Amino acid sequence: MSEPVGIFDSGFGGLTVVRRFLTMLPEESIAYFGDNARVPYGSRTQEEIQAFVLEVAEFLVGQGVKALVVACNTATAAALPALQGAFSLPVVGIIEPGAREAALASHTGEIAVIGTEFTISSGSYQRAIKKYNPRAKVYGQACPLFVPFVEMGKLSGPEVEAAAGEYLSFLANTAVDTLVLGCTHYPHLLRVIRKVIGPDIKIVDPAVATVVTLREILRERGLLAPAGTVPKHRFYTSADPEHFRRLGQQLLGFPMEHVEQVPVRK
């Protein structure tokens, strides 16, 4: 089954999942869609997000993908059940794997989740973590400036550090020992986040657990690419393809040979 896996996000965030995918599933091909023309999703309504996500998913399914990875926490929170109901192929979200990893990692039972306004207000992580540890105390903190910073390629500097310091200051008054990066854009800001919170709090990036979940599903359904397959990766964006290529290659650390612009409904 050499068909590609479809991976999508509101912008560049999902590339943190792609980075893990490339090392963990090196023989699998990727069709990635970054909806950069409509980023950020986090301040939009659930109806808007669902419409965007279904449109992007329909495009990727039309490209012949064998599975879909919703590499966006906001899209997962807003639209995963709708996607799973709309398509017969496997659809993997990012919240459940991340929540499971965080619940298992925490010793104090106090876990913090940072994400977009929509993801945090939806309570999706809080509910998912409590499935694995009913006694967990889960703190949620929206970080609305983080996605725009990444989309601009601003990954460090005084402005980013000031925002991170403000968003994460609440941790000082808790016994939190595990911090979930509940937005796939946030691992691009890992150095700043680590600098602000110090060395003692474990940081959970759900990307690894998500790719592990995907790999298990592909294996169970007999969808893994045959051994020796040479993968072909394609990237699509709803915005400027050259900007996507330049910043995307910088963030991913991997050449993007095929980048194509796809018009979307605004």
Protein backbone atom coordinates (compact mmCIF):
# COMPACT_ATOMS: atom_id res chain seq x y z
CA MET A 1 0.00 0.00 0.00
CA SER A 2 2.26 2.77 -1.26
CA GLU A 3 -0.45 5.46 -1.26
CA PRO A 4 0.44 8.54 0.84
CA VAL A 5 -0.79 9.38 4.29
CA GLY A 6 -2.66 12.69 4.40
CA ILE A 7 -1.56 15.05 7.15
CA PHE A 8 -3.06 18.49 7.65
CA ASP A 9 -2.96 21.50 9.93
CA SER A 10 -4.07 25.12 9.95
CA GLY A 11 -0.55 26.09 8.87
CA PHE A 12 3.04 25.17 9.70
CA GLY A 13 2.28 23.48 13.01
CA GLY A 14 1.65 20.04 11.56
CA LEU A 15 5.22 19.95 10.29
CA THR A 16 6.23 18.95 13.83
CA VAL A 17 4.22 15.76 13.23
CA VAL A 18 5.74 15.37 9.77
CA ARG A 19 9.23 15.56 11.31
CA ARG A 20 8.45 12.60 13.57
CA PHE A 21 6.70 10.76 10.73
CA LEU A 22 9.79 10.98 8.52
CA THR A 23 11.96 9.24 11.11
CA MET A 24 9.42 6.74 12.43
CA LEU A 25 7.80 5.74 9.11
CA PRO A 26 10.60 6.36 6.61
CA GLU A 27 9.05 4.29 3.80
CA GLU A 28 5.68 6.04 3.92
CA SER A 29 4.76 8.89 1.58
CA ILE A 30 3.10 12.11 2.76
CA ALA A 31 0.53 14.47 1.31
CA TYR A 32 0.58 17.48 3.64
CA PHE A 33 -1.88 20.38 3.58
CA GLY A 34 -1.22 23.62 5.45
CA ASP A 35 -4.30 25.88 5.50
CA ASN A 36 -2.17 28.98 5.90
CA ALA A 37 -4.71 31.26 4.22
CA ARG A 38 -7.14 30.69 7.10
CA VAL A 39 -4.76 30.38 10.05
CA PRO A 40 -5.27 30.64 13.00
CA TYR A 41 -8.15 28.25 13.63
CA GLY A 42 -8.08 28.79 17.38
CA SER A 43 -10.21 31.95 17.45
CA ARG A 44 -12.88 30.63 15.05
CA THR A 45 -16.21 28.95 15.76
CA GLN A 46 -16.67 25.20 15.73
CA GLU A 47 -18.86 25.48 12.63
CA GLU A 48 -16.15 27.38 10.75
CA ILE A 49 -13.44 24.94 11.78
CA GLN A 50 -15.51 21.92 10.80
CA ALA A 51 -16.20 23.42 7.37
CA PHE A 52 -12.49 24.16 6.81
CA VAL A 53 -11.39 20.72 7.98
CA LEU A 54 -13.91 18.83 5.86
CA GLU A 55 -12.88 20.85 2.79
CA VAL A 56 -9.19 20.09 3.32
CA ALA A 57 -9.87 16.43 4.08
CA GLU A 58 -11.96 16.06 0.91
CA PHE A 59 -9.06 17.45 -1.10
CA LEU A 60 -6.58 15.02 0.43
CA VAL A 61 -8.91 12.06 -0.03
CA GLY A 62 -9.15 13.14 -3.66
CA GLN A 63 -5.36 12.81 -3.84
CA GLY A 64 -5.69 9.13 -2.98
CA VAL A 65 -4.47 9.09 0.62
CA LYS A 66 -4.91 5.86 2.61
CA ALA A 67 -5.29 7.53 6.03
CA LEU A 68 -5.70 11.00 7.50
CA VAL A 69 -3.81 12.53 10.41
CA VAL A 70 -5.40 15.62 11.93
CA ALA A 71 -2.13 17.27 12.96
CA CYS A 72 -3.97 20.17 14.56
CA ASN A 73 -5.30 20.09 18.10
CA THR A 74 -7.97 22.70 17.38
CA ALA A 75 -9.24 20.76 14.36
CA THR A 76 -9.18 17.53 16.40
CA ALA A 77 -11.20 19.14 19.19
CA ALA A 78 -13.70 20.69 16.79
CA ALA A 79 -14.10 18.16 14.03
CA LEU A 80 -12.65 14.68 14.66
CA PRO A 81 -16.02 12.90 15.04
CA ALA A 82 -17.33 14.66 11.93
CA LEU A 83 -14.29 13.54 9.95
CA GLN A 84 -14.50 9.97 11.17
CA GLY A 85 -18.16 9.90 10.20
CA ALA A 86 -17.55 11.38 6.76
CA PHE A 87 -14.78 9.06 5.55
CA SER A 88 -14.26 5.30 5.63
CA LEU A 89 -10.46 5.48 5.79
CA PRO A 90 -8.61 5.71 9.15
CA VAL A 91 -8.66 9.20 10.69
CA VAL A 92 -6.22 9.83 13.57
CA GLY A 93 -6.48 12.83 15.86
CA ILE A 94 -3.70 14.21 18.03
CA ILE A 95 -5.39 14.86 21.39
CA GLU A 96 -6.03 11.31 22.61
CA PRO A 97 -2.43 10.08 22.10
CA GLY A 98 -1.03 13.18 23.78
CA ALA A 99 -3.42 12.95 26.71
CA ARG A 100 -2.54 9.30 27.28
CA GLU A 101 1.19 10.06 27.28
CA ALA A 102 0.75 12.97 29.68
CA ALA A 103 -1.37 10.96 32.12
CA LEU A 104 1.23 8.20 32.22
CA ALA A 105 4.14 10.64 32.54
CA SER A 106 2.90 12.68 35.50
CA HIS A 107 3.90 11.65 39.03
CA THR A 108 2.14 14.47 40.88
CA GLY A 109 -1.09 14.14 38.92
CA GLU A 110 -1.01 17.85 38.11
CA ILE A 111 -0.78 18.43 34.35
CA ALA A 112 -0.86 21.66 32.38
CA VAL A 113 -2.02 21.97 28.79
CA ILE A 114 -1.25 24.98 26.63
CA GLY A 115 -3.10 25.46 23.36
CA THR A 116 -5.31 27.70 21.29
CA GLU A 117 -8.35 29.42 22.74
CA PHE A 118 -10.67 26.89 21.12
CA THR A 119 -8.72 23.81 22.24
CA ILE A 120 -8.52 24.97 25.85
CA SER A 121 -12.13 26.15 26.10
CA SER A 122 -13.38 22.90 24.53
CA GLY A 123 -12.09 20.91 27.52
CA SER A 124 -10.96 18.16 25.14
CA TYR A 125 -7.59 17.57 26.82
CA GLN A 126 -9.05 17.78 30.29
CA ARG A 127 -11.59 15.05 29.50
CA ALA A 128 -9.08 12.87 27.65
CA ILE A 129 -6.45 13.04 30.43
CA LYS A 130 -9.03 12.13 33.07
CA LYS A 131 -9.93 9.00 31.10
CA TYR A 132 -6.44 7.71 31.89
CA ASN A 133 -6.09 9.30 35.33
CA PRO A 134 -9.45 10.25 36.87
CA ARG A 135 -7.69 11.97 39.79
CA ALA A 136 -5.57 14.23 37.61
CA LYS A 137 -5.75 17.96 38.14
CA VAL A 138 -5.55 19.57 34.70
CA TYR A 139 -4.78 23.22 34.10
CA GLY A 140 -5.49 24.80 30.73
CA GLN A 141 -3.85 27.95 29.37
CA ALA A 142 -4.53 29.55 26.00
CA CYS A 143 -1.50 31.10 24.26
CA PRO A 144 -3.05 33.04 21.36
CA LEU A 145 0.15 34.74 20.17
CA PHE A 146 2.17 31.54 19.73
CA VAL A 147 0.62 30.46 16.41
CA PRO A 148 1.08 33.89 14.75
CA PHE A 149 4.71 33.93 15.94
CA VAL A 150 5.41 30.58 14.25
CA GLU A 151 3.54 31.52 11.07
CA MET A 152 5.79 34.59 10.81
CA GLY A 153 8.91 32.53 11.50
CA LYS A 154 9.50 34.38 14.78
CA LEU A 155 10.73 31.54 16.99
CA SER A 156 12.77 33.47 19.57
CA GLY A 157 13.53 36.97 20.82
CA PRO A 158 12.28 39.31 23.55
CA GLU A 159 8.69 39.49 22.27
CA VAL A 160 8.30 35.71 22.17
CA GLU A 161 9.94 35.28 25.58
CA ALA A 162 7.73 37.97 27.12
CA ALA A 163 4.58 36.28 25.84
CA ALA A 164 5.77 32.87 27.02
CA GLY A 165 6.63 34.28 30.44
CA GLU A 166 3.15 35.76 30.77
CA TYR A 167 1.31 32.66 29.59
CA LEU A 168 3.31 30.23 31.73
CA SER A 169 3.59 32.26 34.94
CA PHE A 170 0.69 30.32 36.50
CA LEU A 171 2.90 27.22 36.79
CA ALA A 172 4.79 28.74 39.72
CA ASN A 173 1.74 28.31 41.97
CA THR A 174 1.09 24.66 41.08
CA ALA A 175 2.62 21.20 41.50
CA VAL A 176 2.54 20.64 37.75
CA ASP A 177 5.25 18.23 36.64
CA THR A 178 4.04 17.67 33.06
CA LEU A 179 3.28 20.26 30.37
CA VAL A 180 1.43 19.24 27.21
CA LEU A 181 2.11 21.21 24.05
CA GLY A 182 -1.52 21.17 22.98
CA CYS A 183 -0.92 22.84 19.63
CA THR A 184 1.37 21.45 16.95
CA HIS A 185 2.83 24.91 16.36
CA TYR A 186 4.25 25.02 19.89
CA PRO A 187 7.16 22.57 19.50
CA HIS A 188 8.66 25.15 17.12
CA LEU A 189 8.93 27.36 20.24
CA LEU A 190 10.33 24.61 22.45
CA ARG A 191 13.58 26.39 23.32
CA VAL A 192 11.76 29.47 24.57
CA ILE A 193 9.20 27.41 26.49
CA ARG A 194 11.92 25.34 28.15
CA LYS A 195 13.85 28.48 29.05
CA VAL A 196 10.78 29.94 30.75
CA ILE A 197 9.62 26.86 32.69
CA GLY A 198 13.05 25.54 33.66
CA PRO A 199 14.44 21.99 33.49
CA ASP A 200 12.21 20.13 35.93
CA ILE A 201 8.83 19.98 34.17
CA LYS A 202 8.42 17.22 31.60
CA ILE A 203 7.24 18.48 28.22
CA VAL A 204 4.93 16.23 26.21
CA ASP A 205 4.83 16.73 22.44
CA PRO A 206 1.89 14.58 21.25
CA ALA A 207 3.47 14.15 17.80
CA VAL A 208 5.42 11.02 18.72
CA ALA A 209 2.45 9.27 20.33
CA THR A 210 0.29 10.23 17.37
CA VAL A 211 2.68 8.67 14.85
CA VAL A 212 2.90 5.54 17.03
CA THR A 213 -0.92 5.31 16.96
CA LEU A 214 -0.95 5.78 13.19
CA ARG A 215 1.70 3.11 12.70
CA GLU A 216 -0.31 0.62 14.76
CA ILE A 217 -3.47 1.31 12.74
CA LEU A 218 -1.66 0.98 9.40
CA ARG A 219 -0.14 -2.31 10.53
CA GLU A 220 -3.46 -3.70 11.79
CA ARG A 221 -5.21 -2.85 8.52
CA GLY A 222 -2.42 -4.05 6.27
CA LEU A 223 -1.78 -0.55 4.97
CA LEU A 224 1.94 -0.19 5.68
CA ALA A 225 4.07 0.56 2.63
CA PRO A 226 6.04 -2.46 1.37
CA ALA A 227 9.63 -2.76 2.56
CA GLY A 228 11.99 -0.88 0.28
CA THR A 229 9.39 1.65 -0.88
CA VAL A 230 10.93 4.97 -1.90
CA PRO A 231 8.56 7.61 -0.49
CA LYS A 232 7.26 10.61 -2.40
CA HIS A 233 6.23 13.66 -0.42
CA ARG A 234 3.88 16.38 -1.62
CA PHE A 235 3.02 19.61 0.17
CA TYR A 236 -0.02 21.80 -0.40
CA THR A 237 -0.92 25.19 1.00
CA SER A 238 -3.88 27.50 0.67
CA ALA A 239 -1.54 30.51 0.73
CA ASP A 240 1.70 31.52 -1.05
CA PRO A 241 3.60 28.35 -2.04
CA GLU A 242 7.01 30.02 -2.14
CA HIS A 243 6.61 31.40 1.37
CA PHE A 244 5.44 27.95 2.47
CA ARG A 245 8.48 26.33 0.88
CA ARG A 246 10.99 28.78 2.39
CA LEU A 247 9.67 28.78 5.95
CA GLY A 248 8.51 25.17 5.80
CA GLN A 249 11.97 23.91 4.87
CA GLN A 250 13.48 26.00 7.66
CA LEU A 251 11.06 24.60 10.24
CA LEU A 252 11.16 21.02 9.00
CA GLY A 253 14.83 20.77 8.14
CA PHE A 254 13.87 18.79 5.05
CA PRO A 255 13.65 19.81 1.38
CA MET A 256 10.19 20.40 -0.07
CA GLU A 257 10.42 19.59 -3.76
CA HIS A 258 6.68 19.62 -4.49
CA VAL A 259 4.72 22.57 -3.08
CA GLU A 260 1.42 23.52 -4.69
CA GLN A 261 -1.16 26.17 -3.91
CA VAL A 262 -4.75 24.98 -3.55
CA PRO A 263 -7.58 27.55 -3.52
CA VAL A 264 -10.02 27.27 -0.63
CA ARG A 265 -13.31 28.89 0.30
CA LYS A 266 -12.79 31.85 2.61
